[in-house]
Amino acid sequence: MKINKGVLFVLIGAACFGFTPVFAKLGFSYGYSLGQINIVQMVSSFILLWSFTLLKGSSFKGLSIKNIPQIMMTGCFIGLTSIFYYGSMQYLPASLSIILMFQFVWIGFLLEWIFSKVKPAPITIVSIIFILIGVFFASNILNGEIQGLPIKGFLFGILSAFTYAGFIYFSGKVAVQVDAWTRTSLMATGSAILVLIVFFKDIPSIFPLEGHLLLTGAGVSFFGSVLPPLFFAVGAPLVAGGIANILTSIELPIAILSASIILSEAITPLQWLGTAIILAAIALNELGTNFFKLRRHY
């Protein structure tokens, strides 16, 4: 029963991430700027996460003058990811921005290789090749759909993948002994400060706080920064790490499906094929790695 609950919670948490593009696109359709959306999102996340942390009575044990700035700097990667990810959506269809951001999977392997000297296993290299093949189909390049789209959108999209991969890498290295909710709240503090500095000139424009802007900011905050950590904190300890990684990949089809249904973006069969290949490659890496470990063990 516990395993089933864990799987359910991880799936719900990952699926929540898939709805953030809908709210970002909705904000742009109302005429709000990238800065306005990011400011409201990060400030909302800061308030909500600290409220959860304090009401829950989370421990502050393990915090120090040294690691508090490190945790906050790690959170800056989330702020950068939000800026680049939503920035990409200003120029590209949400489905394409999602696929570009999802390249954090193989970029994460690259960061491990560069900084931790962990060379990718052969099965990982095969998986990366399949991920790139999946991206080729999912981008709809064969139908010429990406021709004429601004290069800036692609640049922002791939930058969001690098910053998200950086967040995942460093969040697993910095102050891991500190309570998860306390760490998450400090990360939200770092990302909020970064966004307020980058979009300083946009701060006056969010007042008075209009209903549509509040809805947009609260939506990306709730589905992107509050619900996923909550469900992951409960569900992730109940499932194996490799299975958890596979389950979180549900974010990709959910995001593309929501873009298709809610935003009325046309998704071709080739794009769905590419998405399926990407998901299969992630599963291949996780399951294949565990399979070879078991064979060596026996």
Protein backbone atom coordinates (compact mmCIF):
# COMPACT_ATOMS: atom_id res chain seq x y z
CA MET A 1 0.00 0.00 0.00
CA LYS A 2 2.82 2.38 0.88
CA ILE A 3 4.50 1.81 -2.47
CA ASN A 4 1.23 2.48 -4.29
CA LYS A 5 0.74 5.71 -2.35
CA GLY A 6 4.32 6.75 -3.08
CA VAL A 7 3.88 6.13 -6.80
CA LEU A 8 0.61 8.08 -6.77
CA PHE A 9 2.10 11.08 -4.95
CA VAL A 10 5.17 11.25 -7.21
CA LEU A 11 2.97 11.02 -10.31
CA ILE A 12 0.70 13.82 -9.05
CA GLY A 13 3.70 16.01 -8.16
CA ALA A 14 5.29 15.55 -11.59
CA ALA A 15 1.96 16.07 -13.36
CA CYS A 16 1.55 19.41 -11.55
CA PHE A 17 4.70 20.70 -13.27
CA GLY A 18 3.06 19.95 -16.60
CA PHE A 19 0.41 22.65 -16.08
CA THR A 20 2.81 25.57 -15.51
CA PRO A 21 3.13 26.38 -19.27
CA VAL A 22 -0.65 26.84 -19.45
CA PHE A 23 -0.58 29.61 -16.83
CA ALA A 24 2.52 31.24 -18.36
CA LYS A 25 0.91 31.37 -21.80
CA LEU A 26 -2.30 32.61 -20.22
CA GLY A 27 -0.37 35.47 -18.63
CA PHE A 28 1.21 36.46 -21.93
CA SER A 29 -2.21 36.38 -23.61
CA TYR A 30 -3.44 38.91 -21.03
CA GLY A 31 -0.58 41.19 -22.03
CA TYR A 32 1.60 40.75 -18.96
CA SER A 33 5.38 40.86 -19.33
CA LEU A 34 7.91 38.16 -18.51
CA GLY A 35 9.03 40.22 -15.52
CA GLN A 36 5.53 40.67 -14.10
CA ILE A 37 4.75 36.94 -14.30
CA ASN A 38 8.08 35.93 -12.73
CA ILE A 39 7.83 38.48 -9.91
CA VAL A 40 4.34 37.38 -8.86
CA GLN A 41 5.30 33.70 -9.16
CA MET A 42 8.45 33.92 -7.07
CA VAL A 43 7.01 36.19 -4.39
CA SER A 44 3.95 33.91 -4.13
CA SER A 45 6.22 30.85 -3.87
CA PHE A 46 8.31 32.58 -1.20
CA ILE A 47 5.23 33.38 0.91
CA LEU A 48 3.52 30.00 0.45
CA LEU A 49 6.62 27.85 1.08
CA TRP A 50 7.69 29.77 4.17
CA SER A 51 4.10 29.55 5.46
CA PHE A 52 4.15 25.76 5.00
CA THR A 53 7.60 25.50 6.59
CA LEU A 54 6.74 27.57 9.68
CA LEU A 55 3.27 26.06 10.20
CA LYS A 56 4.73 22.57 9.85
CA GLY A 57 7.37 23.42 12.45
CA SER A 58 10.25 22.31 10.22
CA SER A 59 13.68 22.05 11.80
CA PHE A 60 16.39 24.64 11.20
CA LYS A 61 19.07 22.26 12.43
CA GLY A 62 22.19 22.15 10.28
CA LEU A 63 21.92 25.70 8.95
CA SER A 64 25.05 27.85 9.14
CA ILE A 65 26.41 31.17 7.96
CA LYS A 66 28.24 29.22 5.25
CA ASN A 67 25.48 27.02 3.83
CA ILE A 68 22.55 29.48 3.96
CA PRO A 69 24.01 31.56 1.06
CA GLN A 70 24.86 28.30 -0.76
CA ILE A 71 21.24 27.09 -0.50
CA MET A 72 19.93 30.46 -1.67
CA MET A 73 22.36 30.49 -4.62
CA THR A 74 21.14 27.01 -5.58
CA GLY A 75 17.63 28.46 -5.59
CA CYS A 76 18.80 31.09 -8.08
CA PHE A 77 18.93 28.30 -10.67
CA ILE A 78 15.15 27.92 -10.26
CA GLY A 79 14.72 31.66 -10.83
CA LEU A 80 16.86 31.48 -13.97
CA THR A 81 14.96 28.42 -15.21
CA SER A 82 11.68 30.27 -14.80
CA ILE A 83 13.02 33.31 -16.67
CA PHE A 84 14.39 31.27 -19.59
CA TYR A 85 11.52 28.74 -19.72
CA TYR A 86 8.75 31.32 -19.83
CA GLY A 87 10.93 33.56 -22.00
CA SER A 88 11.08 30.77 -24.56
CA MET A 89 7.28 30.54 -24.53
CA GLN A 90 7.06 34.16 -25.60
CA TYR A 91 8.49 33.15 -28.98
CA LEU A 92 7.74 29.44 -29.39
CA PRO A 93 4.75 27.12 -28.99
CA ALA A 94 4.57 25.84 -25.39
CA SER A 95 5.00 22.25 -26.57
CA LEU A 96 8.36 23.08 -28.22
CA SER A 97 9.59 25.05 -25.18
CA ILE A 98 8.71 22.06 -23.00
CA ILE A 99 10.72 19.68 -25.19
CA LEU A 100 13.73 22.03 -25.14
CA MET A 101 13.61 22.38 -21.36
CA PHE A 102 13.36 18.61 -20.98
CA GLN A 103 16.89 18.30 -22.34
CA PHE A 104 17.96 18.76 -18.72
CA VAL A 105 17.97 14.92 -18.60
CA TRP A 106 21.10 14.44 -20.72
CA ILE A 107 22.63 17.75 -19.63
CA GLY A 108 22.47 16.42 -16.05
CA PHE A 109 24.61 13.46 -17.10
CA LEU A 110 27.06 15.91 -18.68
CA LEU A 111 27.32 17.95 -15.47
CA GLU A 112 27.98 14.79 -13.46
CA TRP A 113 30.77 13.92 -15.88
CA ILE A 114 32.37 17.39 -15.77
CA PHE A 115 32.07 18.23 -12.06
CA SER A 116 31.90 14.83 -10.34
CA LYS A 117 34.07 12.91 -12.82
CA VAL A 118 31.32 10.29 -13.12
CA LYS A 119 31.64 8.92 -16.64
CA PRO A 120 28.29 7.96 -18.23
CA ALA A 121 27.70 4.23 -18.48
CA PRO A 122 27.26 2.72 -21.98
CA ILE A 123 23.51 2.36 -21.36
CA THR A 124 23.38 6.06 -20.49
CA ILE A 125 25.12 7.04 -23.73
CA VAL A 126 22.63 4.91 -25.69
CA SER A 127 19.78 6.61 -23.81
CA ILE A 128 21.13 10.07 -24.63
CA ILE A 129 21.30 9.16 -28.33
CA PHE A 130 17.65 8.06 -28.21
CA ILE A 131 16.69 11.26 -26.36
CA LEU A 132 18.26 13.33 -29.15
CA ILE A 133 16.43 11.24 -31.76
CA GLY A 134 13.22 11.84 -29.84
CA VAL A 135 13.90 15.58 -29.81
CA PHE A 136 14.40 15.51 -33.60
CA PHE A 137 10.91 14.07 -34.10
CA ALA A 138 9.23 16.01 -31.27
CA SER A 139 10.47 19.34 -32.61
CA ASN A 140 8.50 18.67 -35.81
CA ILE A 141 11.49 19.70 -37.91
CA LEU A 142 10.52 17.18 -40.62
CA ASN A 143 7.37 19.18 -41.35
CA GLY A 144 9.28 22.44 -41.40
CA GLU A 145 7.22 23.74 -38.49
CA ILE A 146 10.21 25.35 -36.74
CA GLN A 147 11.27 27.41 -39.75
CA GLY A 148 10.77 31.10 -39.20
CA LEU A 149 10.56 30.80 -35.41
CA PRO A 150 12.84 33.24 -33.53
CA ILE A 151 16.27 31.89 -32.60
CA LYS A 152 15.89 33.71 -29.28
CA GLY A 153 13.12 31.27 -28.31
CA PHE A 154 15.36 28.25 -28.93
CA LEU A 155 18.24 29.89 -27.03
CA PHE A 156 16.02 30.58 -24.01
CA GLY A 157 14.64 27.04 -24.17
CA ILE A 158 18.01 25.32 -24.11
CA LEU A 159 19.27 27.72 -21.43
CA SER A 160 16.32 26.68 -19.26
CA ALA A 161 17.46 23.07 -19.66
CA PHE A 162 20.99 23.94 -18.51
CA THR A 163 19.81 25.96 -15.49
CA TYR A 164 17.30 23.28 -14.46
CA ALA A 165 19.99 20.60 -14.75
CA GLY A 166 22.24 22.85 -12.66
CA PHE A 167 19.53 23.15 -10.00
CA ILE A 168 19.08 19.37 -9.84
CA TYR A 169 22.85 18.79 -9.65
CA PHE A 170 23.66 21.37 -6.97
CA SER A 171 20.50 20.76 -4.90
CA GLY A 172 21.79 17.22 -4.40
CA LYS A 173 25.16 18.50 -3.16
CA VAL A 174 24.40 21.52 -0.96
CA ALA A 175 23.34 21.19 2.71
CA VAL A 176 21.51 17.90 2.12
CA GLN A 177 21.36 17.32 5.90
CA VAL A 178 19.03 20.32 6.36
CA ASP A 179 15.26 19.72 6.57
CA ALA A 180 13.82 19.51 3.03
CA TRP A 181 11.12 22.14 3.62
CA THR A 182 13.59 24.57 5.17
CA ARG A 183 15.98 24.09 2.24
CA THR A 184 13.17 24.55 -0.29
CA SER A 185 12.02 27.77 1.40
CA LEU A 186 15.57 29.16 1.40
CA MET A 187 15.88 28.24 -2.28
CA ALA A 188 12.62 30.11 -2.93
CA THR A 189 14.14 33.08 -1.13
CA GLY A 190 17.18 33.01 -3.42
CA SER A 191 15.08 32.72 -6.58
CA ALA A 192 12.77 35.54 -5.44
CA ILE A 193 15.72 37.87 -4.76
CA LEU A 194 17.24 37.05 -8.18
CA VAL A 195 13.98 37.72 -10.04
CA LEU A 196 13.38 40.98 -8.15
CA ILE A 197 16.90 42.16 -9.09
CA VAL A 198 16.63 41.13 -12.76
CA PHE A 199 13.16 42.65 -13.19
CA PHE A 200 13.59 45.57 -10.79
CA LYS A 201 12.04 48.01 -13.27
CA ASP A 202 8.90 45.85 -13.53
CA ILE A 203 8.12 45.92 -9.80
CA PRO A 204 5.97 49.10 -9.88
CA SER A 205 3.96 47.75 -12.83
CA ILE A 206 2.49 44.86 -10.85
CA PHE A 207 0.53 47.30 -8.68
CA PRO A 208 -2.37 47.37 -8.32
CA LEU A 209 -2.34 43.57 -8.42
CA GLU A 210 -4.96 42.70 -11.04
CA GLY A 211 -7.00 39.53 -10.81
CA HIS A 212 -5.65 38.03 -14.03
CA LEU A 213 -2.03 38.67 -13.00
CA LEU A 214 -2.67 37.18 -9.56
CA LEU A 215 -4.29 34.13 -11.17
CA THR A 216 -1.34 33.67 -13.54
CA GLY A 217 1.34 34.13 -10.87
CA ALA A 218 -0.47 32.00 -8.32
CA GLY A 219 -1.01 29.28 -10.95
CA VAL A 220 2.65 28.94 -11.97
CA SER A 221 3.65 29.22 -8.31
CA PHE A 222 1.18 26.65 -7.00
CA PHE A 223 1.72 24.10 -9.78
CA GLY A 224 5.43 24.75 -10.20
CA SER A 225 6.86 25.57 -6.75
CA VAL A 226 4.43 24.47 -4.05
CA LEU A 227 2.48 21.32 -4.95
CA PRO A 228 5.36 19.33 -6.56
CA PRO A 229 7.73 19.66 -3.54
CA LEU A 230 4.83 18.77 -1.24
CA PHE A 231 3.93 15.57 -3.12
CA PHE A 232 7.60 14.64 -3.75
CA ALA A 233 8.43 15.09 -0.05
CA VAL A 234 5.69 12.58 0.83
CA GLY A 235 5.99 10.16 -2.09
CA ALA A 236 9.68 10.04 -3.09
CA PRO A 237 10.87 8.27 0.10
CA LEU A 238 8.35 5.48 -0.56
CA VAL A 239 9.69 4.52 -4.01
CA ALA A 240 13.11 3.57 -5.36
CA GLY A 241 15.17 6.40 -6.82
CA GLY A 242 15.26 4.98 -10.34
CA ILE A 243 11.51 4.41 -10.40
CA ALA A 244 10.96 7.92 -9.06
CA ASN A 245 12.96 9.37 -11.98
CA ILE A 246 10.86 7.42 -14.47
CA LEU A 247 7.64 8.54 -12.80
CA THR A 248 8.63 12.22 -12.87
CA SER A 249 9.03 12.04 -16.65
CA ILE A 250 5.22 12.05 -16.86
CA GLU A 251 5.65 15.83 -16.74
CA LEU A 252 6.54 15.84 -20.46
CA PRO A 253 3.39 14.20 -21.90
CA ILE A 254 1.17 16.03 -19.39
CA ALA A 255 2.67 19.38 -20.41
CA ILE A 256 2.31 18.65 -24.12
CA LEU A 257 -1.21 17.29 -23.65
CA SER A 258 -2.26 20.36 -21.66
CA ALA A 259 -0.78 22.60 -24.37
CA SER A 260 -2.81 20.69 -26.94
CA ILE A 261 -6.14 20.61 -25.06
CA ILE A 262 -6.11 23.88 -23.11
CA LEU A 263 -3.97 26.07 -25.37
CA SER A 264 -5.25 24.43 -28.60
CA GLU A 265 -1.74 23.84 -29.94
CA ALA A 266 -1.59 21.32 -32.77
CA ILE A 267 0.51 18.27 -31.83
CA THR A 268 1.38 16.00 -34.77
CA PRO A 269 1.75 12.19 -34.58
CA LEU A 270 5.51 12.64 -35.19
CA GLN A 271 5.73 14.87 -32.13
CA TRP A 272 3.98 12.26 -30.02
CA LEU A 273 6.38 9.65 -31.43
CA GLY A 274 9.31 11.82 -30.43
CA THR A 275 7.86 12.29 -26.94
CA ALA A 276 7.39 8.52 -26.59
CA ILE A 277 11.02 7.93 -27.65
CA ILE A 278 12.27 10.44 -25.04
CA LEU A 279 10.24 8.75 -22.28
CA ALA A 280 11.39 5.30 -23.39
CA ALA A 281 15.02 6.48 -23.36
CA ILE A 282 14.66 7.73 -19.78
CA ALA A 283 13.11 4.41 -18.73
CA LEU A 284 15.86 2.51 -20.60
CA ASN A 285 18.58 4.36 -18.70
CA GLU A 286 17.00 3.84 -15.28
CA LEU A 287 15.91 0.22 -15.72
CA GLY A 288 18.97 -0.75 -17.78
CA THR A 289 21.38 0.62 -15.19
CA ASN A 290 19.63 -1.27 -12.39
CA PHE A 291 19.54 -4.45 -14.51
CA PHE A 292 23.31 -4.42 -15.11
CA LYS A 293 23.94 -3.69 -11.41
CA LEU A 294 21.91 -6.76 -10.50
CA ARG A 295 23.79 -8.91 -13.02
CA ARG A 296 27.14 -7.81 -11.61
CA HIS A 297 25.86 -8.49 -8.08
CA TYR A 298 24.93 -12.06 -8.92
